[in-house]
Protein backbone atom coordinates (compact mmCIF):
# COMPACT_ATOMS: atom_id res chain seq x y z
CA UNK A 1 -44.85 -45.43 -131.32
CA UNK A 2 -48.60 -45.90 -131.47
CA UNK A 3 -51.04 -44.65 -129.03
CA UNK A 4 -53.97 -47.10 -127.37
CA UNK A 5 -56.38 -45.51 -125.05
CA UNK A 6 -54.16 -42.45 -124.45
CA UNK A 7 -50.86 -44.02 -123.82
CA UNK A 8 -47.98 -45.05 -125.76
CA UNK A 9 -47.80 -48.86 -126.63
CA UNK A 10 -44.88 -50.78 -128.09
CA UNK A 11 -44.89 -51.57 -132.07
CA UNK A 12 -45.23 -55.41 -132.06
CA UNK A 13 -45.48 -55.82 -135.99
CA UNK A 14 -42.99 -58.86 -135.83
CA UNK A 15 -44.84 -62.13 -135.06
CA UNK A 16 -44.21 -63.95 -131.66
CA UNK A 17 -42.50 -66.64 -134.00
CA UNK A 18 -40.24 -63.97 -135.30
CA UNK A 19 -39.19 -62.80 -132.04
CA UNK A 20 -38.50 -66.37 -130.41
CA UNK A 21 -35.75 -67.25 -133.03
CA UNK A 22 -32.47 -66.25 -131.40
CA UNK A 23 -28.84 -66.97 -132.33
CA UNK A 24 -26.89 -65.59 -129.23
CA UNK A 25 -26.75 -66.93 -125.63
CA UNK A 26 -29.73 -66.47 -123.39
CA UNK A 27 -31.58 -65.11 -126.72
CA UNK A 28 -29.33 -62.07 -126.79
CA UNK A 29 -29.49 -61.86 -130.75
CA UNK A 30 -32.91 -62.41 -132.14
CA UNK A 31 -32.82 -63.28 -135.92
CA UNK A 32 -36.31 -64.00 -136.65
CA UNK A 33 -36.53 -61.43 -139.64
CA UNK A 34 -33.99 -60.45 -142.17
CA UNK A 35 -33.52 -57.18 -140.47
CA UNK A 36 -32.81 -58.57 -137.24
CA UNK A 37 -30.44 -61.24 -138.72
CA UNK A 38 -28.14 -58.66 -140.38
CA UNK A 39 -28.09 -56.74 -137.28
CA UNK A 40 -26.89 -59.90 -135.36
CA UNK A 41 -24.11 -60.24 -137.77
CA UNK A 42 -22.91 -56.78 -137.24
CA UNK A 43 -23.70 -56.79 -133.69
CA UNK A 44 -21.82 -59.96 -132.82
CA UNK A 45 -18.60 -58.60 -134.50
CA UNK A 46 -18.95 -55.27 -132.25
CA UNK A 47 -19.72 -57.52 -129.11
CA UNK A 48 -16.22 -59.38 -129.96
CA UNK A 49 -14.68 -56.15 -130.54
CA UNK A 50 -15.64 -54.55 -127.44
CA UNK A 51 -14.54 -57.78 -125.21
CA UNK A 52 -18.09 -58.65 -124.56
CA UNK A 53 -18.20 -62.25 -126.12
CA UNK A 54 -15.59 -64.64 -127.25
CA UNK A 55 -14.56 -65.14 -130.83
CA UNK A 56 -16.09 -68.72 -130.96
CA UNK A 57 -19.55 -66.81 -129.73
CA UNK A 58 -19.02 -64.33 -132.50
CA UNK A 59 -18.97 -67.21 -135.03
CA UNK A 60 -21.54 -69.06 -133.43
CA UNK A 61 -24.11 -65.96 -133.81
CA UNK A 62 -22.78 -65.15 -137.30
CA UNK A 63 -23.38 -68.61 -138.49
CA UNK A 64 -26.90 -68.85 -137.00
CA UNK A 65 -27.72 -65.44 -138.55
CA UNK A 66 -26.48 -66.09 -141.78
CA UNK A 67 -28.41 -69.29 -141.83
CA UNK A 68 -31.68 -67.39 -141.20
CA UNK A 69 -30.77 -64.63 -143.81
CA UNK A 70 -30.45 -67.87 -146.27
CA UNK A 71 -34.11 -68.85 -145.35
CA UNK A 72 -35.41 -65.19 -146.11
CA UNK A 73 -33.39 -64.43 -149.47
CA UNK A 74 -33.77 -67.61 -151.25
CA UNK A 75 -30.47 -69.10 -150.39
CA UNK A 76 -28.47 -66.10 -150.30
CA UNK A 77 -26.57 -66.16 -147.01
CA UNK A 78 -24.66 -62.60 -147.38
CA UNK A 79 -25.11 -60.15 -144.57
CA UNK A 80 -26.34 -57.40 -146.80
CA UNK A 81 -29.22 -59.55 -148.21
CA UNK A 82 -27.84 -58.89 -151.99
CA UNK A 83 -26.96 -61.93 -154.08
């Protein structure tokens, strides 16, 4: 983390717009960047397998995250970001 005035401050490299795009309930899965969208796809599967969310919620999160990935990757909606 970077330092400012002798104190550690949060790294805020993502734009506020990137942080505001979410796929989960109550903003639980941010998808404003390609990295966050990929993490949301796998995180939704982990949350479902742990019993924290329903299958429908998992599919909704993955669908929204893959749609965002398509925007970042020029139309490719794969979880890995590869075409």
